[in-house]
Amino acid sequence: MALLMDISSIVGMLNMAILIALLAVYANIYRKTHATFTIGLMVFSGMLMLHNVIAVYGYLAMAKLYSDDLLPYFAGIHIAELAGLIALLKVTVWPEGVKTTPKAAQ
């Protein structure tokens, strides 16, 4: 079950990396627009960052205290969060998606 603890820790760290990227993008948007909505997004990202920092610290510092029965749920929570953060990063950084335009006939 140590593998699940390691997976949870690694995925939690990936979540933190994505959250840092989101915070940087949101800070840049706020600097340019002063839109209050981006402040809310920064607070949201900051709270998720705090959650992941505490979780990863808990996994690393208190691994022996966690029941093995809980580890699959912890891994599932972090993987679901990672999927959501990837989607959020995608629509934040690349909102239009992949648009292919046909080349003009020559």
PDB file of N, CA and C in Angstrom:
ATOM      1  N   MET A   1       0.808  -1.209   0.000  1.00  0.00           N
ATOM      2  CA  MET A   1       0.000   0.000   0.000  1.00  0.00           C
ATOM      3  C   MET A   1       0.846   1.266   0.000  1.00  0.00           C
ATOM      4  N   ALA A   2       2.139   1.106   0.201  1.00  0.00           N
ATOM      5  CA  ALA A   2       3.012   2.275   0.120  1.00  0.00           C
ATOM      6  C   ALA A   2       2.980   2.860  -1.290  1.00  0.00           C
ATOM      7  N   LEU A   3       2.708   2.019  -2.276  1.00  0.00           N
ATOM      8  CA  LEU A   3       2.616   2.492  -3.652  1.00  0.00           C
ATOM      9  C   LEU A   3       1.488   3.506  -3.799  1.00  0.00           C
ATOM     10  N   LEU A   4       0.348   3.251  -3.191  1.00  0.00           N
ATOM     11  CA  LEU A   4      -0.773   4.189  -3.266  1.00  0.00           C
ATOM     12  C   LEU A   4      -0.450   5.500  -2.562  1.00  0.00           C
ATOM     13  N   MET A   5       0.301   5.437  -1.476  1.00  0.00           N
ATOM     14  CA  MET A   5       0.717   6.658  -0.778  1.00  0.00           C
ATOM     15  C   MET A   5       1.658   7.458  -1.672  1.00  0.00           C
ATOM     16  N   ASP A   6       2.569   6.754  -2.357  1.00  0.00           N
ATOM     17  CA  ASP A   6       3.485   7.432  -3.278  1.00  0.00           C
ATOM     18  C   ASP A   6       2.729   8.042  -4.447  1.00  0.00           C
ATOM     19  N   ILE A   7       1.757   7.314  -4.989  1.00  0.00           N
ATOM     20  CA  ILE A   7       0.950   7.838  -6.089  1.00  0.00           C
ATOM     21  C   ILE A   7       0.199   9.088  -5.640  1.00  0.00           C
ATOM     22  N   SER A   8      -0.388   9.041  -4.462  1.00  0.00           N
ATOM     23  CA  SER A   8      -1.119  10.208  -3.946  1.00  0.00           C
ATOM     24  C   SER A   8      -0.190  11.401  -3.781  1.00  0.00           C
ATOM     25  N   SER A   9       1.018  11.159  -3.282  1.00  0.00           N
ATOM     26  CA  SER A   9       1.980  12.248  -3.095  1.00  0.00           C
ATOM     27  C   SER A   9       2.412  12.844  -4.424  1.00  0.00           C
ATOM     28  N   ILE A  10       2.701  11.993  -5.395  1.00  0.00           N
ATOM     29  CA  ILE A  10       3.153  12.477  -6.707  1.00  0.00           C
ATOM     30  C   ILE A  10       2.044  13.241  -7.412  1.00  0.00           C
ATOM     31  N   VAL A  11       0.836  12.702  -7.375  1.00  0.00           N
ATOM     32  CA  VAL A  11      -0.288  13.387  -8.014  1.00  0.00           C
ATOM     33  C   VAL A  11      -0.579  14.707  -7.292  1.00  0.00           C
ATOM     34  N   GLY A  12      -0.447  14.720  -5.972  1.00  0.00           N
ATOM     35  CA  GLY A  12      -0.614  15.970  -5.221  1.00  0.00           C
ATOM     36  C   GLY A  12       0.408  17.011  -5.639  1.00  0.00           C
ATOM     37  N   MET A  13       1.643  16.582  -5.888  1.00  0.00           N
ATOM     38  CA  MET A  13       2.674  17.516  -6.350  1.00  0.00           C
ATOM     39  C   MET A  13       2.392  18.002  -7.771  1.00  0.00           C
ATOM     40  N   LEU A  14       1.877  17.120  -8.622  1.00  0.00           N
ATOM     41  CA  LEU A  14       1.472  17.553  -9.968  1.00  0.00           C
ATOM     42  C   LEU A  14       0.340  18.585  -9.880  1.00  0.00           C
ATOM     43  N   ASN A  15      -0.585  18.352  -8.965  1.00  0.00           N
ATOM     44  CA  ASN A  15      -1.662  19.320  -8.750  1.00  0.00           C
ATOM     45  C   ASN A  15      -1.094  20.673  -8.351  1.00  0.00           C
ATOM     46  N   MET A  16      -0.099  20.662  -7.470  1.00  0.00           N
ATOM     47  CA  MET A  16       0.505  21.924  -7.040  1.00  0.00           C
ATOM     48  C   MET A  16       1.185  22.631  -8.195  1.00  0.00           C
ATOM     49  N   ALA A  17       1.843  21.885  -9.084  1.00  0.00           N
ATOM     50  CA  ALA A  17       2.500  22.501 -10.240  1.00  0.00           C
ATOM     51  C   ALA A  17       1.470  23.165 -11.153  1.00  0.00           C
ATOM     52  N   ILE A  18       0.357  22.478 -11.395  1.00  0.00           N
ATOM     53  CA  ILE A  18      -0.691  23.057 -12.237  1.00  0.00           C
ATOM     54  C   ILE A  18      -1.298  24.283 -11.558  1.00  0.00           C
ATOM     55  N   LEU A  19      -1.480  24.211 -10.248  1.00  0.00           N
ATOM     56  CA  LEU A  19      -2.043  25.350  -9.520  1.00  0.00           C
ATOM     57  C   LEU A  19      -1.113  26.560  -9.553  1.00  0.00           C
ATOM     58  N   ILE A  20       0.183  26.323  -9.510  1.00  0.00           N
ATOM     59  CA  ILE A  20       1.141  27.432  -9.627  1.00  0.00           C
ATOM     60  C   ILE A  20       1.004  28.077 -11.004  1.00  0.00           C
ATOM     61  N   ALA A  21       0.885  27.250 -12.036  1.00  0.00           N
ATOM     62  CA  ALA A  21       0.695  27.788 -13.389  1.00  0.00           C
ATOM     63  C   ALA A  21      -0.603  28.583 -13.475  1.00  0.00           C
ATOM     64  N   LEU A  22      -1.675  28.055 -12.904  1.00  0.00           N
ATOM     65  CA  LEU A  22      -2.956  28.770 -12.922  1.00  0.00           C
ATOM     66  C   LEU A  22      -2.863  30.085 -12.156  1.00  0.00           C
ATOM     67  N   LEU A  23      -2.216  30.069 -11.002  1.00  0.00           N
ATOM     68  CA  LEU A  23      -2.061  31.303 -10.230  1.00  0.00           C
ATOM     69  C   LEU A  23      -1.281  32.348 -11.021  1.00  0.00           C
ATOM     70  N   ALA A  24      -0.250  31.923 -11.724  1.00  0.00           N
ATOM     71  CA  ALA A  24       0.533  32.862 -12.532  1.00  0.00           C
ATOM     72  C   ALA A  24      -0.314  33.452 -13.658  1.00  0.00           C
ATOM     73  N   VAL A  25      -1.101  32.612 -14.324  1.00  0.00           N
ATOM     74  CA  VAL A  25      -1.965  33.093 -15.405  1.00  0.00           C
ATOM     75  C   VAL A  25      -3.009  34.049 -14.849  1.00  0.00           C
ATOM     76  N   TYR A  26      -3.639  33.678 -13.742  1.00  0.00           N
ATOM     77  CA  TYR A  26      -4.669  34.537 -13.156  1.00  0.00           C
ATOM     78  C   TYR A  26      -4.083  35.856 -12.673  1.00  0.00           C
ATOM     79  N   ALA A  27      -2.890  35.831 -12.093  1.00  0.00           N
ATOM     80  CA  ALA A  27      -2.250  37.071 -11.643  1.00  0.00           C
ATOM     81  C   ALA A  27      -1.949  37.968 -12.837  1.00  0.00           C
ATOM     82  N   ASN A  28      -1.514  37.383 -13.939  1.00  0.00           N
ATOM     83  CA  ASN A  28      -1.242  38.154 -15.147  1.00  0.00           C
ATOM     84  C   ASN A  28      -2.528  38.768 -15.700  1.00  0.00           C
ATOM     85  N   ILE A  29      -3.596  37.994 -15.702  1.00  0.00           N
ATOM     86  CA  ILE A  29      -4.884  38.520 -16.168  1.00  0.00           C
ATOM     87  C   ILE A  29      -5.344  39.656 -15.268  1.00  0.00           C
ATOM     88  N   TYR A  30      -5.200  39.467 -13.953  1.00  0.00           N
ATOM     89  CA  TYR A  30      -5.629  40.527 -13.028  1.00  0.00           C
ATOM     90  C   TYR A  30      -4.794  41.788 -13.206  1.00  0.00           C
ATOM     91  N   ARG A  31      -3.490  41.599 -13.422  1.00  0.00           N
ATOM     92  CA  ARG A  31      -2.606  42.753 -13.606  1.00  0.00           C
ATOM     93  C   ARG A  31      -3.037  43.562 -14.830  1.00  0.00           C
ATOM     94  N   LYS A  32      -3.498  42.875 -15.868  1.00  0.00           N
ATOM     95  CA  LYS A  32      -3.898  43.557 -17.101  1.00  0.00           C
ATOM     96  C   LYS A  32      -5.306  44.134 -17.037  1.00  0.00           C
ATOM     97  N   THR A  33      -6.234  43.449 -16.351  1.00  0.00           N
ATOM     98  CA  THR A  33      -7.650  43.826 -16.433  1.00  0.00           C
ATOM     99  C   THR A  33      -8.244  44.352 -15.135  1.00  0.00           C
ATOM    100  N   HIS A  34      -7.662  44.006 -14.027  1.00  0.00           N
ATOM    101  CA  HIS A  34      -8.221  44.332 -12.700  1.00  0.00           C
ATOM    102  C   HIS A  34      -9.643  43.789 -12.532  1.00  0.00           C
ATOM    103  N   ALA A  35      -9.924  42.674 -13.175  1.00  0.00           N
ATOM    104  CA  ALA A  35     -11.234  42.038 -13.071  1.00  0.00           C
ATOM    105  C   ALA A  35     -11.331  41.313 -11.729  1.00  0.00           C
ATOM    106  N   THR A  36     -12.401  41.582 -11.002  1.00  0.00           N
ATOM    107  CA  THR A  36     -12.549  40.978  -9.678  1.00  0.00           C
ATOM    108  C   THR A  36     -12.784  39.472  -9.757  1.00  0.00           C
ATOM    109  N   PHE A  37     -13.301  38.994 -10.864  1.00  0.00           N
ATOM    110  CA  PHE A  37     -13.514  37.553 -11.024  1.00  0.00           C
ATOM    111  C   PHE A  37     -12.198  36.796 -10.904  1.00  0.00           C
ATOM    112  N   THR A  38     -11.127  37.383 -11.422  1.00  0.00           N
ATOM    113  CA  THR A  38      -9.836  36.699 -11.351  1.00  0.00           C
ATOM    114  C   THR A  38      -9.310  36.635  -9.926  1.00  0.00           C
ATOM    115  N   ILE A  39      -9.718  37.572  -9.088  1.00  0.00           N
ATOM    116  CA  ILE A  39      -9.342  37.482  -7.668  1.00  0.00           C
ATOM    117  C   ILE A  39      -9.976  36.234  -7.066  1.00  0.00           C
ATOM    118  N   GLY A  40     -11.233  35.994  -7.397  1.00  0.00           N
ATOM    119  CA  GLY A  40     -11.909  34.789  -6.928  1.00  0.00           C
ATOM    120  C   GLY A  40     -11.222  33.528  -7.422  1.00  0.00           C
ATOM    121  N   LEU A  41     -10.789  33.532  -8.670  1.00  0.00           N
ATOM    122  CA  LEU A  41     -10.067  32.381  -9.209  1.00  0.00           C
ATOM    123  C   LEU A  41      -8.728  32.192  -8.498  1.00  0.00           C
ATOM    124  N   MET A  42      -8.066  33.292  -8.150  1.00  0.00           N
ATOM    125  CA  MET A  42      -6.798  33.187  -7.429  1.00  0.00           C
ATOM    126  C   MET A  42      -7.018  32.649  -6.016  1.00  0.00           C
ATOM    127  N   VAL A  43      -8.081  33.080  -5.360  1.00  0.00           N
ATOM    128  CA  VAL A  43      -8.394  32.560  -4.024  1.00  0.00           C
ATOM    129  C   VAL A  43      -8.726  31.073  -4.113  1.00  0.00           C
ATOM    130  N   PHE A  44      -9.531  30.691  -5.097  1.00  0.00           N
ATOM    131  CA  PHE A  44      -9.880  29.293  -5.313  1.00  0.00           C
ATOM    132  C   PHE A  44      -8.619  28.455  -5.532  1.00  0.00           C
ATOM    133  N   SER A  45      -7.734  28.919  -6.402  1.00  0.00           N
ATOM    134  CA  SER A  45      -6.483  28.203  -6.664  1.00  0.00           C
ATOM    135  C   SER A  45      -5.609  28.143  -5.422  1.00  0.00           C
ATOM    136  N   GLY A  46      -5.586  29.227  -4.666  1.00  0.00           N
ATOM    137  CA  GLY A  46      -4.798  29.258  -3.432  1.00  0.00           C
ATOM    138  C   GLY A  46      -5.309  28.258  -2.396  1.00  0.00           C
ATOM    139  N   MET A  47      -6.620  28.130  -2.283  1.00  0.00           N
ATOM    140  CA  MET A  47      -7.182  27.178  -1.326  1.00  0.00           C
ATOM    141  C   MET A  47      -6.906  25.737  -1.755  1.00  0.00           C
ATOM    142  N   LEU A  48      -7.000  25.470  -3.055  1.00  0.00           N
ATOM    143  CA  LEU A  48      -6.646  24.134  -3.543  1.00  0.00           C
ATOM    144  C   LEU A  48      -5.160  23.854  -3.335  1.00  0.00           C
ATOM    145  N   MET A  49      -4.340  24.884  -3.496  1.00  0.00           N
ATOM    146  CA  MET A  49      -2.906  24.725  -3.244  1.00  0.00           C
ATOM    147  C   MET A  49      -2.678  24.373  -1.768  1.00  0.00           C
ATOM    148  N   LEU A  50      -3.338  25.080  -0.879  1.00  0.00           N
ATOM    149  CA  LEU A  50      -3.208  24.794   0.549  1.00  0.00           C
ATOM    150  C   LEU A  50      -3.634  23.362   0.857  1.00  0.00           C
ATOM    151  N   HIS A  51      -4.734  22.931   0.258  1.00  0.00           N
ATOM    152  CA  HIS A  51      -5.209  21.556   0.441  1.00  0.00           C
ATOM    153  C   HIS A  51      -4.135  20.548   0.025  1.00  0.00           C
ATOM    154  N   ASN A  52      -3.530  20.770  -1.133  1.00  0.00           N
ATOM    155  CA  ASN A  52      -2.527  19.834  -1.631  1.00  0.00           C
ATOM    156  C   ASN A  52      -1.244  19.879  -0.816  1.00  0.00           C
ATOM    157  N   VAL A  53      -0.838  21.052  -0.371  1.00  0.00           N
ATOM    158  CA  VAL A  53       0.364  21.156   0.471  1.00  0.00           C
ATOM    159  C   VAL A  53       0.159  20.382   1.767  1.00  0.00           C
ATOM    160  N   ILE A  54      -0.987  20.573   2.397  1.00  0.00           N
ATOM    161  CA  ILE A  54      -1.277  19.863   3.647  1.00  0.00           C
ATOM    162  C   ILE A  54      -1.366  18.361   3.409  1.00  0.00           C
ATOM    163  N   ALA A  55      -2.011  17.961   2.317  1.00  0.00           N
ATOM    164  CA  ALA A  55      -2.160  16.535   2.022  1.00  0.00           C
ATOM    165  C   ALA A  55      -0.810  15.875   1.775  1.00  0.00           C
ATOM    166  N   VAL A  56       0.026  16.485   0.938  1.00  0.00           N
ATOM    167  CA  VAL A  56       1.332  15.896   0.640  1.00  0.00           C
ATOM    168  C   VAL A  56       2.201  15.867   1.895  1.00  0.00           C
ATOM    169  N   TYR A  57       2.167  16.936   2.676  1.00  0.00           N
ATOM    170  CA  TYR A  57       2.908  16.938   3.941  1.00  0.00           C
ATOM    171  C   TYR A  57       2.424  15.808   4.841  1.00  0.00           C
ATOM    172  N   GLY A  58       1.108  15.644   4.918  1.00  0.00           N
ATOM    173  CA  GLY A  58       0.545  14.572   5.743  1.00  0.00           C
ATOM    174  C   GLY A  58       0.978  13.202   5.260  1.00  0.00           C
ATOM    175  N   TYR A  59       1.006  13.017   3.945  1.00  0.00           N
ATOM    176  CA  TYR A  59       1.440  11.723   3.405  1.00  0.00           C
ATOM    177  C   TYR A  59       2.894  11.450   3.750  1.00  0.00           C
ATOM    178  N   LEU A  60       3.726  12.468   3.645  1.00  0.00           N
ATOM    179  CA  LEU A  60       5.154  12.270   3.868  1.00  0.00           C
ATOM    180  C   LEU A  60       5.513  12.192   5.351  1.00  0.00           C
ATOM    181  N   ALA A  61       4.861  12.993   6.175  1.00  0.00           N
ATOM    182  CA  ALA A  61       5.228  13.067   7.587  1.00  0.00           C
ATOM    183  C   ALA A  61       4.484  12.070   8.464  1.00  0.00           C
ATOM    184  N   MET A  62       3.277  11.693   8.064  1.00  0.00           N
ATOM    185  CA  MET A  62       2.460  10.850   8.925  1.00  0.00           C
ATOM    186  C   MET A  62       1.972   9.595   8.223  1.00  0.00           C
ATOM    187  N   ALA A  63       2.766   9.056   7.324  1.00  0.00           N
ATOM    188  CA  ALA A  63       2.350   7.909   6.513  1.00  0.00           C
ATOM    189  C   ALA A  63       1.944   6.713   7.372  1.00  0.00           C
ATOM    190  N   LYS A  64       2.608   6.508   8.473  1.00  0.00           N
ATOM    191  CA  LYS A  64       2.318   5.344   9.317  1.00  0.00           C
ATOM    192  C   LYS A  64       0.963   5.443  10.022  1.00  0.00           C
ATOM    193  N   LEU A  65       0.433   6.643  10.114  1.00  0.00           N
ATOM    194  CA  LEU A  65      -0.832   6.837  10.816  1.00  0.00           C
ATOM    195  C   LEU A  65      -2.056   6.582   9.936  1.00  0.00           C
ATOM    196  N   TYR A  66      -1.860   6.556   8.618  1.00  0.00           N
ATOM    197  CA  TYR A  66      -2.982   6.354   7.708  1.00  0.00           C
ATOM    198  C   TYR A  66      -3.315   4.870   7.596  1.00  0.00           C
ATOM    199  N   SER A  67      -4.585   4.563   7.626  1.00  0.00           N
ATOM    200  CA  SER A  67      -5.050   3.197   7.430  1.00  0.00           C
ATOM    201  C   SER A  67      -4.893   2.827   5.949  1.00  0.00           C
ATOM    202  N   ASP A  68      -4.478   1.606   5.701  1.00  0.00           N
ATOM    203  CA  ASP A  68      -4.323   1.149   4.318  1.00  0.00           C
ATOM    204  C   ASP A  68      -5.651   1.140   3.562  1.00  0.00           C
ATOM    205  N   ASP A  69      -6.742   1.023   4.294  1.00  0.00           N
ATOM    206  CA  ASP A  69      -8.058   1.011   3.646  1.00  0.00           C
ATOM    207  C   ASP A  69      -8.425   2.368   3.051  1.00  0.00           C
ATOM    208  N   LEU A  70      -7.820   3.450   3.556  1.00  0.00           N
ATOM    209  CA  LEU A  70      -8.137   4.788   3.064  1.00  0.00           C
ATOM    210  C   LEU A  70      -7.329   5.187   1.840  1.00  0.00           C
ATOM    211  N   LEU A  71      -6.204   4.543   1.614  1.00  0.00           N
ATOM    212  CA  LEU A  71      -5.281   4.976   0.570  1.00  0.00           C
ATOM    213  C   LEU A  71      -5.873   4.972  -0.836  1.00  0.00           C
ATOM    214  N   PRO A  72      -6.681   3.980  -1.227  1.00  0.00           N
ATOM    215  CA  PRO A  72      -7.277   4.060  -2.575  1.00  0.00           C
ATOM    216  C   PRO A  72      -8.186   5.277  -2.751  1.00  0.00           C
ATOM    217  N   TYR A  73      -8.869   5.663  -1.688  1.00  0.00           N
ATOM    218  CA  TYR A  73      -9.740   6.835  -1.769  1.00  0.00           C
ATOM    219  C   TYR A  73      -8.924   8.115  -1.899  1.00  0.00           C
ATOM    220  N   PHE A  74      -7.835   8.212  -1.144  1.00  0.00           N
ATOM    221  CA  PHE A  74      -6.958   9.379  -1.252  1.00  0.00           C
ATOM    222  C   PHE A  74      -6.403   9.497  -2.665  1.00  0.00           C
ATOM    223  N   ALA A  75      -5.944   8.379  -3.221  1.00  0.00           N
ATOM    224  CA  ALA A  75      -5.400   8.397  -4.581  1.00  0.00           C
ATOM    225  C   ALA A  75      -6.489   8.805  -5.573  1.00  0.00           C
ATOM    226  N   GLY A  76      -7.685   8.270  -5.404  1.00  0.00           N
ATOM    227  CA  GLY A  76      -8.788   8.615  -6.294  1.00  0.00           C
ATOM    228  C   GLY A  76      -9.152  10.087  -6.234  1.00  0.00           C
ATOM    229  N   ILE A  77      -9.163  10.645  -5.035  1.00  0.00           N
ATOM    230  CA  ILE A  77      -9.475  12.070  -4.871  1.00  0.00           C
ATOM    231  C   ILE A  77      -8.449  12.923  -5.605  1.00  0.00           C
ATOM    232  N   HIS A  78      -7.175  12.604  -5.422  1.00  0.00           N
ATOM    233  CA  HIS A  78      -6.123  13.404  -6.057  1.00  0.00           C
ATOM    234  C   HIS A  78      -6.121  13.233  -7.574  1.00  0.00           C
ATOM    235  N   ILE A  79      -6.404  12.040  -8.055  1.00  0.00           N
ATOM    236  CA  ILE A  79      -6.448  11.826  -9.501  1.00  0.00           C
ATOM    237  C   ILE A  79      -7.637  12.571 -10.112  1.00  0.00           C
ATOM    238  N   ALA A  80      -8.784  12.560  -9.438  1.00  0.00           N
ATOM    239  CA  ALA A  80      -9.953  13.304  -9.917  1.00  0.00           C
ATOM    240  C   ALA A  80      -9.659  14.805  -9.915  1.00  0.00           C
ATOM    241  N   GLU A  81      -8.980  15.264  -8.874  1.00  0.00           N
ATOM    242  CA  GLU A  81      -8.616  16.676  -8.806  1.00  0.00           C
ATOM    243  C   GLU A  81      -7.645  17.031  -9.932  1.00  0.00           C
ATOM    244  N   LEU A  82      -6.709  16.146 -10.219  1.00  0.00           N
ATOM    245  CA  LEU A  82      -5.759  16.376 -11.312  1.00  0.00           C
ATOM    246  C   LEU A  82      -6.491  16.504 -12.642  1.00  0.00           C
ATOM    247  N   ALA A  83      -7.464  15.635 -12.884  1.00  0.00           N
ATOM    248  CA  ALA A  83      -8.235  15.709 -14.127  1.00  0.00           C
ATOM    249  C   ALA A  83      -8.971  17.044 -14.232  1.00  0.00           C
ATOM    250  N   GLY A  84      -9.572  17.477 -13.131  1.00  0.00           N
ATOM    251  CA  GLY A  84     -10.268  18.762 -13.134  1.00  0.00           C
ATOM    252  C   GLY A  84      -9.329  19.934 -13.346  1.00  0.00           C
ATOM    253  N   LEU A  85      -8.160  19.883 -12.740  1.00  0.00           N
ATOM    254  CA  LEU A  85      -7.195  20.975 -12.896  1.00  0.00           C
ATOM    255  C   LEU A  85      -6.630  21.022 -14.312  1.00  0.00           C
ATOM    256  N   ILE A  86      -6.417  19.861 -14.907  1.00  0.00           N
ATOM    257  CA  ILE A  86      -5.947  19.843 -16.295  1.00  0.00           C
ATOM    258  C   ILE A  86      -6.997  20.478 -17.206  1.00  0.00           C
ATOM    259  N   ALA A  87      -8.261  20.147 -16.984  1.00  0.00           N
ATOM    260  CA  ALA A  87      -9.339  20.741 -17.786  1.00  0.00           C
ATOM    261  C   ALA A  87      -9.398  22.251 -17.563  1.00  0.00           C
ATOM    262  N   LEU A  88      -9.269  22.685 -16.313  1.00  0.00           N
ATOM    263  CA  LEU A  88      -9.300  24.109 -16.003  1.00  0.00           C
ATOM    264  C   LEU A  88      -8.117  24.839 -16.635  1.00  0.00           C
ATOM    265  N   LEU A  89      -6.944  24.240 -16.577  1.00  0.00           N
ATOM    266  CA  LEU A  89      -5.764  24.849 -17.198  1.00  0.00           C
ATOM    267  C   LEU A  89      -5.950  24.939 -18.708  1.00  0.00           C
ATOM    268  N   LYS A  90      -6.516  23.908 -19.301  1.00  0.00           N
ATOM    269  CA  LYS A  90      -6.721  23.908 -20.750  1.00  0.00           C
ATOM    270  C   LYS A  90      -7.654  25.033 -21.178  1.00  0.00           C
ATOM    271  N   VAL A  91      -8.788  25.168 -20.505  1.00  0.00           N
ATOM    272  CA  VAL A  91      -9.727  26.220 -20.914  1.00  0.00           C
ATOM    273  C   VAL A  91      -9.244  27.609 -20.524  1.00  0.00           C
ATOM    274  N   THR A  92      -8.337  27.684 -19.558  1.00  0.00           N
ATOM    275  CA  THR A  92      -7.794  28.983 -19.160  1.00  0.00           C
ATOM    276  C   THR A  92      -6.723  29.450 -20.131  1.00  0.00           C
ATOM    277  N   VAL A  93      -5.828  28.560 -20.499  1.00  0.00           N
ATOM    278  CA  VAL A  93      -4.695  28.935 -21.332  1.00  0.00           C
ATOM    279  C   VAL A  93      -5.031  28.825 -22.815  1.00  0.00           C
ATOM    280  N   TRP A  94      -5.862  27.869 -23.186  1.00  0.00           N
ATOM    281  CA  TRP A  94      -6.138  27.576 -24.585  1.00  0.00           C
ATOM    282  C   TRP A  94      -7.644  27.453 -24.770  1.00  0.00           C
ATOM    283  N   PRO A  95      -8.389  28.553 -24.580  1.00  0.00           N
ATOM    284  CA  PRO A  95      -9.849  28.463 -24.537  1.00  0.00           C
ATOM    285  C   PRO A  95     -10.503  28.082 -25.857  1.00  0.00           C
ATOM    286  N   GLU A  96      -9.845  28.325 -26.963  1.00  0.00           N
ATOM    287  CA  GLU A  96     -10.476  28.046 -28.242  1.00  0.00           C
ATOM    288  C   GLU A  96     -10.224  26.634 -28.723  1.00  0.00           C
ATOM    289  N   GLY A  97      -9.336  25.911 -28.062  1.00  0.00           N
ATOM    290  CA  GLY A  97      -9.046  24.556 -28.470  1.00  0.00           C
ATOM    291  C   GLY A  97      -8.269  24.514 -29.777  1.00  0.00           C
ATOM    292  N   VAL A  98      -8.259  23.380 -30.354  1.00  0.00           N
ATOM    293  CA  VAL A  98      -7.539  23.218 -31.606  1.00  0.00           C
ATOM    294  C   VAL A  98      -8.474  23.567 -32.753  1.00  0.00           C
ATOM    295  N   LYS A  99      -8.136  24.589 -33.474  1.00  0.00           N
ATOM    296  CA  LYS A  99      -8.924  24.977 -34.632  1.00  0.00           C
ATOM    297  C   LYS A  99      -8.050  24.806 -35.854  1.00  0.00           C
ATOM    298  N   THR A 100      -8.498  23.970 -36.718  1.00  0.00           N
ATOM    299  CA  THR A 100      -7.747  23.775 -37.947  1.00  0.00           C
ATOM    300  C   THR A 100      -8.485  24.488 -39.062  1.00  0.00           C
ATOM    301  N   THR A 101      -7.752  25.198 -39.825  1.00  0.00           N
ATOM    302  CA  THR A 101      -8.347  25.882 -40.975  1.00  0.00           C
ATOM    303  C   THR A 101      -7.811  25.216 -42.229  1.00  0.00           C
ATOM    304  N   PRO A 102      -8.687  24.917 -43.141  1.00  0.00           N
ATOM    305  CA  PRO A 102      -8.217  24.283 -44.371  1.00  0.00           C
ATOM    306  C   PRO A 102      -7.344  25.256 -45.160  1.00  0.00           C
ATOM    307  N   LYS A 103      -6.307  24.707 -45.733  1.00  0.00           N
ATOM    308  CA  LYS A 103      -5.427  25.539 -46.550  1.00  0.00           C
ATOM    309  C   LYS A 103      -6.127  25.888 -47.859  1.00  0.00           C
ATOM    310  N   ALA A 104      -5.885  27.082 -48.305  1.00  0.00           N
ATOM    311  CA  ALA A 104      -6.505  27.543 -49.545  1.00  0.00           C
ATOM    312  C   ALA A 104      -5.917  26.764 -50.715  1.00  0.00           C
ATOM    313  N   ALA A 105      -6.759  26.491 -51.658  1.00  0.00           N
ATOM    314  CA  ALA A 105      -6.298  25.774 -52.848  1.00  0.00           C
ATOM    315  C   ALA A 105      -5.327  26.658 -53.627  1.00  0.00           C
ATOM    316  N   GLN A 106      -4.286  26.054 -54.100  1.00  0.00           N
ATOM    317  CA  GLN A 106      -3.278  26.854 -54.798  1.00  0.00           C
ATOM    318  C   GLN A 106      -3.360  26.671 -56.277  1.00  0.00           C
TER     319      GLN A 106
END
